[in-house]
Amino acid sequence: MKSVAAGISRQWEKVFSHVNRAVVFLDQGVGELLHWQGGLTRLLKAGASDVKEFSSFESGAESDKKAVFIVSGLLEGDNREIICDILQASNFQYVVVVVCQGSASHAFSMDGHTDEDPEFFNQVEERVLEWMGNMNYTAEVFHIPLSTISIGNSVFLLPGYSRLSPLMESDVRQIELQYNNSHSKAEHKDIDSLKSVDFSVLPKHLQVQFKCFVSSVDGLLAELGVREDIYAMGHTSALLASELESFPTARNRRKTKTERASILFVDRSLDLAAVTSHTSESLMDRIQMMLPRLPGHVTDVKVNMAPLCHVDRETGSSVIAPGCLATQTGSEGHLQAMMTGKQKEALMEVNRQLVEAAAQCDLPLSLSGKPGRVTAEQLDSTLKLFRGKYKQIMNHLDWIQVSMATSEMLSHPDNRHIDERISVEKGLLQSLDDPSGLEALSQVQQMLAKKHEDRWIYSIDDVLCMLVYLYSLVGPPILEHEETEEEIQKSILDRVLAEKGSLPSIIKSIVTVGGKVGDRLIVSELLDGVWEKLAAVAQARANMREFREILEPGSAVSPVSLNPLIRQLVSAILDPGKPDLPDVENKSSGLKDMLKSGFGLFRAVSKPRPSDHPLLILIFIGGVTCTEVKQVKDLVNQLKPGIQVVIGSTRLLTPQEAVMTVLGADSALSDSIE
């Protein structure tokens, strides 16, 4: 079996081989990747003399003679200037630059071509020597495609692309404007739908980001040693799949590798109901919803470790470095149970591992609580035995941090509110016996008016989340109720103006311009934009043939339910009957497939399928939830297809993050490549 974790580890071993007796400078993207490979401790164990931020305000000490720069982005713009500034303020005689992007990505960013330039890194070495001030010193530049973290058995993320999300119909107008504004009148194009959007009309920064993403995927496939057939579902996934098919280093790799794999890109936008639902099957999802992100990270969470330390309880959380979920021991077993086990079983496993850790440390255990039920109080009673025992904490750090996170989640004040939202979601589902969604929309309208004394029960962000959930669930039929939509929009407008000074984060990002919430007319126009995006959410599956519906109709024996797209897709792929997959596009078609079709005149030739090879890699563009990971793993265990299924994504998503990505003011079209 192919191990993504082992491949990532091999990439980092190449990095560690260069850091002995060096000052290491890391940018934020690399810092997050390193965090999941043991953190700064790994660099120090490898011999690094110091680790510093990749910043023009940093430099080496007078006695420091060797530096290693690890850069996640391209060696241009700010990144080049920062390296230059650090070198000119230091006395280094030996410099190593580790670049996570290859020469093809740099070539495309600079002149629009993706051919590999074997001289590029030599030219960078020459420039580095100039900045060092002595051409007799030593400079080395290496390309190591660091981009991926492993968070469990056969699960990986590419956090550097966390802001990469699928294009939608609501983006088409902006794409047309940006393209025509940057080209001469003779080159202007009419771009009337998402179908008309090809790679060439995208803004340059987004083209560069697509190329860098493809380069990162290619680097992972090279580490796995495979040549792949490429598939896509969704418009943005199809663009990325085409870029991977034609990427120069990927073409060269496919000529030399013999082991086969399939890779399937899937647009998150095709099913936003599954990710905006607060109903979760995974303990990890619940923790992700409750705990804040670790500062500077898009994947890990911040765990309060102060209760285990000898500090004042009131100030402890602000002076003690936060805990996290990333492994400190090199094993990902503590995350696997949290992601793919049932919530109740995962809670019991966390408690069991914590009790075993306490027993191994000869701590005075006093087991309490009801059998089969784990509470925050139960976990806390065991955790307090470790207070101040730092050696024992370090010996069992992974499970202790998970236990602290679980306890914090179980006792979090937002639990009740999330349970209320789950109840509302169930009510909306059951109202969809009316498949047009009118009754469900009316329920959302009622949410906006509900108060307890002088406090709104549901925030505007709660309502926006329910709207994205509903529009994705119902699809185009929900767009027929303009009058009800206008009533909801007016109610949101009234509340925005009434709550100007205390708006929650999502709606605040939408209606704030220049740091202020505008007048009624401005806010009304901005909310019109929200409804354009909601319409795009509803239309996302409109052109699909097999997977158009994710709403499972009710019957006499079962209620209406959500049948997530991912579960439908993987079930169809792994079906031993090998049904056609009309919504899955094969991007590896070429002369070989044309010949097969010709020979098909004389014998039956089956169409290529993602399940044809021993390894299937699913990459979800725009995020995935641990509940979806669990659903895929459950299907694999149930169907036993005889192939390995690996799940990847650009990020883990919570409902709020999903809604912020879809409706928030920031867009992939306005982002710059970092």
Foldseek 3Di string as FASTA:
>chain_A
DFFLQVLLVVLVVVVLQPQALAEEEEELQVQQQVLLVQGPVSNVVSHHPHYYYLALVDEDDAPRAEYEYEDADDCDDPNVVSLLSRLLVYQYQAYEYEYQFFQQLVCCLVPNGRDHDPCVQVVVQCVSCVSNPHVPGYYYYHHRNPFWHDQDGQEIARQLQLLFAADFFLCQVVLLVVQPVVDDPVPRDDRNGLVSDALVSAPSQLNSVLLRVLRSVLSSCVSSQEQEFEKEFFSVRVRSSLCNLPRVVNVVSNVPGDAYAYEYEYHPLLFLLVFLALDFFFQVQLLPQFFDCQPSGFAKGFFQPQLQEPDDPVCSSVPDGTDIQRDNPSDSVLSHCRQQPGPLVNLVVLLVLLVVLCVVVVFDDDQDDDPSDDALVRLVVSLNSNRPVVVSCVVSVNSSRVSRSSSCSRPGPCPVLSVVLNVLVVVQQQVCLVLLSPVSLVVLLVLLVDDDVPHRSDAVLSSLSSLLSSLLQSAPSPVVCVVSVVSSLVSSLVVCVVPQPPHDDQLCLQQDDPNGRDDSVSSSVSVVSLVSLSNRSRHRLVPPDPQSHQWDPADPVGGIDGNDSLLVVLCQLLPPVNDDHVSMGTSNDDPVVVVQVVCCVVPPDDDDGSLPRQEYEYEYENADASSSVNSNVVSCVVSVSNHHYRYYYNHHHHSSRSSCSRSGPDDPSPDGND
